[in-house]
Structures are given as C-alpha cells and as structure tokens.
Amino acid sequence: MSKRAIITGGSKGIGKAIVEKFVSRGYDIAFCSRSEKDLQALKTNLSDAYPDRELMVSPCDASDGDQIKSWCEEIKSRWDRFDILVNNAGYFLPGSVLKEPEQHLLSQIELNLYSAYRFTRELIALIEKNGSGHIFNMCSIASQKAYPSGGAYTISKFALYGFSQCLREELKPTNIKVTAVLPGATWSDSWQGSGFDESDMISAKDVADLIYSCSQLSKQAVVEEIRIRPQGGDL
C-alpha cells in the first residue's frame, strides 16, 4: 500500500516543492490551497509525470474553520489512514505592532496558527489509526527572533512554534513525530520586484528535501526542529 501525505498551502512556493518531493518518492498526496486554478494546474502536471499516484485536490481557504472541516471530512471519507501532515498554509503582512491595523494580527493568527491547530485536530485520528506518522509545522526564523516591520506575522509564528512544541510533548508517548520547520527567507514569486535576487535566498526545494529526509528516519529518532537560513544570513 502506498504511503500518503497531506500538505496544506500546497500549490505554490514551499508547499508546491513539498508536494512535488513526496509525489516523486511514491506518496499519494492530498493537498489544498485557495486557488483552484493553481491546484488543477499542478495536479495536471503531476498526473502526467506520475500517473500511478493518487492526487486528492480541492480548494480550501485555510483561514475558514468551516472549509477546513469540510476538506478534512472529504479526506476521511476516502482515506482511513495517512503518514505525513505538513501544516504549511500561511502568509505574511508587513507592519508595526504599534501602527498596523488590528486586522493584520487577527487575519495572520487565523491563517498562520489556527489553520495548523484545526487541520491537526481534524486529522489526528487518521494518523493514530496508522500507528505512526509525522507532523511538520511550517514556522519561521521569525518564530524565534523578532524583526522590524514583522509585528503581527512574528507574533503568529511565535504562537505556531509554541503549538508545535505542545504537540510534540503530547505525542511523545506515541509513534507520531512532530517537527517545527523554521526557514529564513525562501525564494518564491512573491519576492519578484523586491530588489532581492533568488541567489540571496533558500530555495523551496531545499526546504522540501530536508522535510522529506527527516520523515525517513527510524521510528526511534525525531528531528524536533529544522532551522535553515540563507548562507549570507537573514535579509
């Protein structure tokens, strides 16, 4: 039986690279994002390259608890177990704690923190049925170090890191591993026009390769967190 992975925010950037990595290693994949167009384009490309893989794809706004529940119910209706969950959905709004609109904090907490909390709680029973598994939470270097103009984003990522640590403690008695992933600046299309070059940043593929490698360790070993930065340091 094929191994299975679920990746949220899976149509662009790091999420897309993670989907591509696990599919190429023989995993069936369920992945979501808000853009149905981007999802279907990636699904078409992957289906052509890996026709034997099951790809479960549908749009889901990960800031909406009802949509998360519906998407997870769809998965549970088709799968009785899975191996890997990557809570990758999230976004960045720059701003100052003292000056940014309060909505910046509310919206980034909703997506960057609550989505991982909700997806994990909805899907944990399927990992438990599997008897083992691995949950990756896409935190950030900003989960441990505050940056100028990163107010609400940094707060949300600190909170996500806290969630990941709590989850790790709760699942220690089980065969379910938990890893917090803390990347620095990672190249994606959103950096176009920023003045920075792709060569200044981590590639999304590097992050995906690390996550896959950590997922393949023996059952008695877990990488509790991955910290990866651009060679030249933080931007």
Protein backbone atom coordinates (compact mmCIF):
# COMPACT_ATOMS: atom_id res chain seq x y z
CA MET A 1 0.00 0.00 0.00
CA SER A 2 1.29 3.46 -0.91
CA LYS A 3 2.26 5.91 1.75
CA ARG A 4 0.14 9.05 1.99
CA ALA A 5 0.85 12.70 2.76
CA ILE A 6 -1.36 15.74 3.31
CA ILE A 7 0.04 19.19 2.55
CA THR A 8 -1.82 22.45 3.15
CA GLY A 9 -0.98 25.54 1.13
CA GLY A 10 0.34 23.16 -1.49
CA SER A 11 0.06 24.96 -4.82
CA LYS A 12 2.93 27.49 -4.61
CA GLY A 13 6.35 28.08 -3.09
CA ILE A 14 7.48 25.74 -0.32
CA GLY A 15 4.18 23.86 -0.31
CA LYS A 16 4.42 23.08 -4.01
CA ALA A 17 8.01 21.90 -3.61
CA ILE A 18 6.94 19.59 -0.77
CA VAL A 19 4.10 18.14 -2.84
CA GLU A 20 6.48 17.51 -5.75
CA LYS A 21 9.08 15.89 -3.47
CA PHE A 22 6.71 13.43 -1.81
CA VAL A 23 4.94 12.51 -5.06
CA SER A 24 8.31 11.79 -6.66
CA ARG A 25 9.09 9.43 -3.77
CA GLY A 26 5.96 7.35 -4.26
CA TYR A 27 3.47 9.02 -1.93
CA ASP A 28 -0.21 9.56 -2.66
CA ILE A 29 -0.99 13.19 -1.86
CA ALA A 30 -3.92 15.29 -0.69
CA PHE A 31 -3.20 19.00 -0.98
CA CYS A 32 -5.14 22.22 -0.89
CA SER A 33 -4.88 25.97 -1.35
CA ARG A 34 -7.28 28.81 -2.01
CA SER A 35 -6.65 28.87 -5.78
CA GLU A 36 -8.45 26.13 -7.68
CA LYS A 37 -6.67 27.20 -10.88
CA ASP A 38 -3.21 26.72 -9.34
CA LEU A 39 -4.26 23.41 -7.77
CA GLN A 40 -5.58 21.97 -11.01
CA ALA A 41 -2.52 23.11 -12.97
CA LEU A 42 -0.19 21.38 -10.51
CA LYS A 43 -2.37 18.28 -10.41
CA THR A 44 -2.30 18.04 -14.21
CA ASN A 45 1.49 18.30 -14.30
CA LEU A 46 1.93 15.72 -11.55
CA SER A 47 -0.61 13.31 -13.04
CA ASP A 48 1.29 13.39 -16.33
CA ALA A 49 4.61 12.73 -14.60
CA TYR A 50 3.34 10.21 -12.02
CA PRO A 51 0.20 8.55 -13.43
CA ASP A 52 0.12 5.85 -10.73
CA ARG A 53 -0.12 8.29 -7.84
CA GLU A 54 -3.43 9.27 -6.22
CA LEU A 55 -3.81 13.05 -6.06
CA MET A 56 -6.68 14.37 -3.96
CA VAL A 57 -7.07 18.05 -4.71
CA SER A 58 -9.71 20.64 -3.85
CA PRO A 59 -9.65 24.33 -2.89
CA CYS A 60 -9.78 25.25 0.79
CA ASP A 61 -9.41 28.64 2.45
CA ALA A 62 -7.33 27.67 5.47
CA SER A 63 -8.42 30.78 7.35
CA ASP A 64 -12.00 29.46 7.38
CA GLY A 65 -12.73 26.82 10.00
CA ASP A 66 -15.80 25.52 8.17
CA GLN A 67 -13.85 25.00 4.94
CA ILE A 68 -11.11 23.19 6.85
CA LYS A 69 -13.67 20.87 8.41
CA SER A 70 -15.30 20.15 5.03
CA TRP A 71 -11.96 19.45 3.35
CA CYS A 72 -10.89 17.13 6.16
CA GLU A 73 -14.23 15.30 6.01
CA GLU A 74 -13.61 14.69 2.31
CA ILE A 75 -10.23 13.16 3.12
CA LYS A 76 -11.69 11.00 5.90
CA SER A 77 -14.37 9.72 3.52
CA ARG A 78 -11.69 8.41 1.14
CA TRP A 79 -8.69 7.55 3.33
CA ASP A 80 -8.66 5.50 6.51
CA ARG A 81 -5.09 6.47 7.40
CA PHE A 82 -2.13 8.57 6.28
CA ASP A 83 1.53 9.06 7.19
CA ILE A 84 2.60 12.71 6.85
CA LEU A 85 0.87 16.02 7.61
CA VAL A 86 2.57 19.26 6.60
CA ASN A 87 0.83 22.32 8.01
CA ASN A 88 2.21 24.80 5.51
CA ALA A 89 -0.65 27.26 4.90
CA GLY A 90 0.25 30.80 5.92
CA TYR A 91 1.07 34.29 4.72
CA PHE A 92 2.94 37.48 5.59
CA LEU A 93 1.66 41.02 6.05
CA PRO A 94 4.35 43.55 7.00
CA GLY A 95 3.59 46.01 9.75
CA SER A 96 4.48 47.56 13.08
CA VAL A 97 2.90 46.29 16.30
CA LEU A 98 2.05 49.86 17.28
CA LYS A 99 0.81 51.10 13.91
CA GLU A 100 -0.52 48.21 11.82
CA PRO A 101 -4.29 47.65 11.55
CA GLU A 102 -5.52 45.29 14.27
CA GLN A 103 -6.97 43.14 11.49
CA HIS A 104 -3.39 42.23 10.46
CA LEU A 105 -2.94 40.33 13.70
CA LEU A 106 -6.36 38.72 13.58
CA SER A 107 -6.01 37.53 9.97
CA GLN A 108 -2.48 36.17 10.40
CA ILE A 109 -3.32 34.37 13.64
CA GLU A 110 -6.33 32.88 11.83
CA LEU A 111 -4.25 31.51 8.97
CA ASN A 112 -0.76 31.01 10.38
CA LEU A 113 -1.82 29.49 13.71
CA TYR A 114 -5.45 28.38 13.75
CA SER A 115 -5.18 26.52 10.45
CA ALA A 116 -2.45 24.20 11.79
CA TYR A 117 -4.39 23.78 15.04
CA ARG A 118 -7.59 22.90 13.18
CA PHE A 119 -6.11 20.64 10.50
CA THR A 120 -4.19 18.68 13.14
CA ARG A 121 -7.19 18.20 15.41
CA GLU A 122 -9.43 17.17 12.49
CA LEU A 123 -6.94 14.66 11.06
CA ILE A 124 -5.08 13.25 14.07
CA ALA A 125 -7.36 10.21 14.34
CA LEU A 126 -6.26 9.02 10.88
CA ILE A 127 -2.60 9.21 11.89
CA GLU A 128 -3.34 7.39 15.12
CA LYS A 129 -5.04 4.60 13.15
CA ASN A 130 -1.87 4.33 11.11
CA GLY A 131 0.09 3.57 14.28
CA SER A 132 2.85 6.03 13.33
CA GLY A 133 3.26 9.27 11.46
CA HIS A 134 4.90 12.66 11.28
CA ILE A 135 3.51 16.20 11.59
CA PHE A 136 5.52 19.14 10.24
CA ASN A 137 4.54 22.70 11.20
CA MET A 138 5.85 25.45 8.93
CA CYS A 139 7.11 28.01 11.41
CA SER A 140 9.77 30.61 10.55
CA ILE A 141 13.03 32.08 11.74
CA ALA A 142 10.60 34.78 12.93
CA SER A 143 9.25 32.18 15.37
CA GLN A 144 12.35 32.77 17.50
CA LYS A 145 13.57 36.24 16.53
CA ALA A 146 11.56 39.42 16.07
CA TYR A 147 12.20 41.58 13.01
CA PRO A 148 11.36 45.22 12.22
CA SER A 149 8.07 45.51 10.31
CA GLY A 150 7.21 41.93 11.17
CA GLY A 151 4.85 42.63 14.06
CA ALA A 152 1.70 40.55 13.65
CA TYR A 153 3.46 37.97 11.47
CA THR A 154 6.13 37.39 14.12
CA ILE A 155 3.51 37.08 16.85
CA SER A 156 1.61 34.47 14.81
CA LYS A 157 4.76 32.48 14.07
CA PHE A 158 5.89 32.53 17.70
CA ALA A 159 2.46 31.13 18.55
CA LEU A 160 2.74 28.42 15.88
CA TYR A 161 6.12 27.41 17.29
CA GLY A 162 4.50 27.14 20.72
CA PHE A 163 1.74 24.98 19.28
CA SER A 164 4.34 22.71 17.69
CA GLN A 165 6.20 22.31 20.99
CA CYS A 166 2.97 21.49 22.85
CA LEU A 167 2.03 18.93 20.21
CA ARG A 168 5.46 17.35 20.45
CA GLU A 169 5.08 16.91 24.22
CA GLU A 170 1.59 15.42 23.92
CA LEU A 171 2.61 12.93 21.24
CA LYS A 172 5.87 11.75 22.82
CA PRO A 173 4.20 8.57 24.18
CA THR A 174 3.09 7.66 20.65
CA ASN A 175 4.84 6.81 17.39
CA ILE A 176 3.75 10.16 15.93
CA LYS A 177 6.62 12.60 15.45
CA VAL A 178 6.40 16.40 15.40
CA THR A 179 8.88 18.74 13.72
CA ALA A 180 8.86 22.53 13.66
CA VAL A 181 10.34 23.90 10.42
CA LEU A 182 11.96 27.34 10.73
CA PRO A 183 13.12 28.64 7.33
CA GLY A 184 14.65 32.02 6.71
CA ALA A 185 13.96 33.95 3.50
CA THR A 186 12.93 31.42 0.85
CA TRP A 187 12.53 32.33 -2.80
CA SER A 188 9.07 32.38 -4.35
CA ASP A 189 7.26 34.50 -6.94
CA SER A 190 6.16 36.87 -4.17
CA TRP A 191 9.76 38.18 -3.98
CA GLN A 192 9.68 39.35 -7.60
CA GLY A 193 10.40 43.08 -7.73
CA SER A 194 11.60 43.18 -4.11
CA GLY A 195 15.16 44.11 -5.01
CA PHE A 196 16.46 40.77 -3.76
CA ASP A 197 17.73 38.04 -6.04
CA GLU A 198 16.91 34.34 -6.00
CA SER A 199 20.57 33.62 -5.28
CA ASP A 200 20.26 35.53 -1.98
CA MET A 201 17.71 33.09 -0.59
CA ILE A 202 16.99 29.48 0.26
CA SER A 203 15.31 27.50 -2.49
CA ALA A 204 11.92 25.94 -1.73
CA LYS A 205 13.39 22.64 -2.93
CA ASP A 206 15.99 22.76 -0.12
CA VAL A 207 13.23 23.02 2.47
CA ALA A 208 11.28 20.18 0.84
CA ASP A 209 14.39 17.97 0.72
CA LEU A 210 15.01 18.50 4.44
CA ILE A 211 11.42 17.71 5.36
CA TYR A 212 11.46 14.53 3.30
CA SER A 213 14.79 13.42 4.80
CA CYS A 214 13.52 13.97 8.34
CA SER A 215 10.41 11.94 7.57
CA GLN A 216 12.50 8.91 6.64
CA LEU A 217 14.39 8.41 9.91
CA SER A 218 13.94 5.30 12.02
CA LYS A 219 10.97 5.30 14.39
CA GLN A 220 13.16 5.89 17.44
CA ALA A 221 14.57 9.22 16.14
CA VAL A 222 12.92 12.58 15.54
CA VAL A 223 14.31 15.92 14.39
CA GLU A 224 12.40 18.28 16.67
CA GLU A 225 13.14 21.39 14.64
CA ILE A 226 14.75 22.37 11.37
CA ARG A 227 16.42 25.81 11.22
CA ILE A 228 17.62 26.83 7.78
CA ARG A 229 18.87 30.26 6.73
CA PRO A 230 20.36 31.79 3.57
CA GLN A 231 24.13 31.31 3.52
CA GLY A 232 24.63 35.09 3.68
CA GLY A 233 22.38 35.42 6.71
CA ASP A 234 18.96 36.96 7.21
CA LEU A 235 17.80 39.55 4.71
